[in-house]
Amino acid sequence: MSFISAYLPYLQISLALLLISAILFQQSDAGLGTAFGGSTSSNPFATKRGAERTLFFITIILAILFIASAVLALF
């Protein structure tokens, strides 16, 4: 158990950095024009495909791992 408690902070820091970078790499259609009521030409109900879908699933997995490591740190 001491092995886990010794390396858990480093694991959490690396998971946090990976999660931040995965979120920032995702494409967003929300620009300043849409904030003031402008519309975009893209379909908001379009499905994710290819690299965008893979990055989306990687983000979900990283978030689950980060939450699990935070819960593990409580014990």
C-alpha atoms as a PDB file:
ATOM      1  CA  MET A   1       0.000   0.000   0.000  1.00  0.00           C
ATOM      2  CA  SER A   2       2.915   2.343   0.615  1.00  0.00           C
ATOM      3  CA  PHE A   3       3.942   1.879  -3.036  1.00  0.00           C
ATOM      4  CA  ILE A   4       0.599   3.271  -4.178  1.00  0.00           C
ATOM      5  CA  SER A   5       0.639   6.162  -1.723  1.00  0.00           C
ATOM      6  CA  ALA A   6       4.182   7.080  -2.756  1.00  0.00           C
ATOM      7  CA  TYR A   7       3.409   7.346  -6.477  1.00  0.00           C
ATOM      8  CA  LEU A   8      -0.235   8.453  -6.364  1.00  0.00           C
ATOM      9  CA  PRO A   9       0.503  12.216  -6.402  1.00  0.00           C
ATOM     10  CA  TYR A  10       2.686  11.797  -9.490  1.00  0.00           C
ATOM     11  CA  LEU A  11      -0.033   9.739 -11.161  1.00  0.00           C
ATOM     12  CA  GLN A  12      -2.632  12.395 -10.385  1.00  0.00           C
ATOM     13  CA  ILE A  13      -0.452  15.193 -11.738  1.00  0.00           C
ATOM     14  CA  SER A  14       0.235  13.321 -14.971  1.00  0.00           C
ATOM     15  CA  LEU A  15      -3.439  12.385 -15.385  1.00  0.00           C
ATOM     16  CA  ALA A  16      -4.438  16.009 -14.777  1.00  0.00           C
ATOM     17  CA  LEU A  17      -2.010  17.283 -17.404  1.00  0.00           C
ATOM     18  CA  LEU A  18      -3.142  14.664 -19.923  1.00  0.00           C
ATOM     19  CA  LEU A  19      -6.790  15.479 -19.241  1.00  0.00           C
ATOM     20  CA  ILE A  20      -6.203  19.206 -19.672  1.00  0.00           C
ATOM     21  CA  SER A  21      -4.395  18.681 -22.960  1.00  0.00           C
ATOM     22  CA  ALA A  22      -7.078  16.290 -24.244  1.00  0.00           C
ATOM     23  CA  ILE A  23      -9.798  18.832 -23.447  1.00  0.00           C
ATOM     24  CA  LEU A  24      -7.891  21.675 -25.085  1.00  0.00           C
ATOM     25  CA  PHE A  25      -7.248  19.655 -28.254  1.00  0.00           C
ATOM     26  CA  GLN A  26     -10.949  19.083 -28.850  1.00  0.00           C
ATOM     27  CA  GLN A  27     -12.494  21.141 -31.596  1.00  0.00           C
ATOM     28  CA  SER A  28     -15.040  23.707 -30.497  1.00  0.00           C
ATOM     29  CA  ASP A  29     -17.484  25.536 -32.733  1.00  0.00           C
ATOM     30  CA  ALA A  30     -18.300  28.073 -30.055  1.00  0.00           C
ATOM     31  CA  GLY A  31     -16.679  31.312 -31.119  1.00  0.00           C
ATOM     32  CA  LEU A  32     -17.281  34.912 -30.188  1.00  0.00           C
ATOM     33  CA  GLY A  33     -19.875  35.266 -32.940  1.00  0.00           C
ATOM     34  CA  THR A  34     -22.038  32.498 -31.533  1.00  0.00           C
ATOM     35  CA  ALA A  35     -21.905  34.091 -28.083  1.00  0.00           C
ATOM     36  CA  PHE A  36     -23.857  37.067 -29.398  1.00  0.00           C
ATOM     37  CA  GLY A  37     -26.508  35.088 -31.238  1.00  0.00           C
ATOM     38  CA  GLY A  38     -24.723  34.384 -34.492  1.00  0.00           C
ATOM     39  CA  SER A  39     -25.152  31.017 -36.113  1.00  0.00           C
ATOM     40  CA  THR A  40     -22.593  28.714 -37.605  1.00  0.00           C
ATOM     41  CA  SER A  41     -22.961  26.846 -40.847  1.00  0.00           C
ATOM     42  CA  SER A  42     -22.121  23.480 -39.306  1.00  0.00           C
ATOM     43  CA  ASN A  43     -24.716  21.064 -38.042  1.00  0.00           C
ATOM     44  CA  PRO A  44     -24.773  21.002 -34.220  1.00  0.00           C
ATOM     45  CA  PHE A  45     -26.114  17.438 -34.282  1.00  0.00           C
ATOM     46  CA  ALA A  46     -23.285  16.011 -36.382  1.00  0.00           C
ATOM     47  CA  THR A  47     -21.663  12.817 -35.179  1.00  0.00           C
ATOM     48  CA  LYS A  48     -18.029  12.625 -34.186  1.00  0.00           C
ATOM     49  CA  ARG A  49     -15.834  10.652 -36.576  1.00  0.00           C
ATOM     50  CA  GLY A  50     -12.226   9.648 -36.859  1.00  0.00           C
ATOM     51  CA  ALA A  51      -9.679  11.394 -34.676  1.00  0.00           C
ATOM     52  CA  GLU A  52     -12.324  13.597 -33.064  1.00  0.00           C
ATOM     53  CA  ARG A  53     -14.204  10.543 -31.806  1.00  0.00           C
ATOM     54  CA  THR A  54     -10.999   8.896 -30.568  1.00  0.00           C
ATOM     55  CA  LEU A  55      -9.969  12.043 -28.693  1.00  0.00           C
ATOM     56  CA  PHE A  56     -13.464  12.228 -27.167  1.00  0.00           C
ATOM     57  CA  PHE A  57     -13.228   8.674 -25.826  1.00  0.00           C
ATOM     58  CA  ILE A  58      -9.674   9.237 -24.577  1.00  0.00           C
ATOM     59  CA  THR A  59     -10.932  12.293 -22.678  1.00  0.00           C
ATOM     60  CA  ILE A  60     -13.684  10.231 -21.047  1.00  0.00           C
ATOM     61  CA  ILE A  61     -11.235   7.479 -20.056  1.00  0.00           C
ATOM     62  CA  LEU A  62      -8.763  10.011 -18.616  1.00  0.00           C
ATOM     63  CA  ALA A  63     -11.545  11.663 -16.616  1.00  0.00           C
ATOM     64  CA  ILE A  64     -12.643   8.308 -15.171  1.00  0.00           C
ATOM     65  CA  LEU A  65      -9.044   7.423 -14.261  1.00  0.00           C
ATOM     66  CA  PHE A  66      -8.522  10.824 -12.639  1.00  0.00           C
ATOM     67  CA  ILE A  67     -11.688  10.477 -10.547  1.00  0.00           C
ATOM     68  CA  ALA A  68     -10.697   6.933  -9.558  1.00  0.00           C
ATOM     69  CA  SER A  69      -7.250   8.133  -8.453  1.00  0.00           C
ATOM     70  CA  ALA A  70      -8.835  10.935  -6.428  1.00  0.00           C
ATOM     71  CA  VAL A  71     -11.131   8.457  -4.677  1.00  0.00           C
ATOM     72  CA  LEU A  72      -8.163   6.158  -4.089  1.00  0.00           C
ATOM     73  CA  ALA A  73      -6.285   9.050  -2.483  1.00  0.00           C
ATOM     74  CA  LEU A  74      -9.051   9.356   0.106  1.00  0.00           C
ATOM     75  CA  PHE A  75      -8.287   5.905   1.442  1.00  0.00           C
END
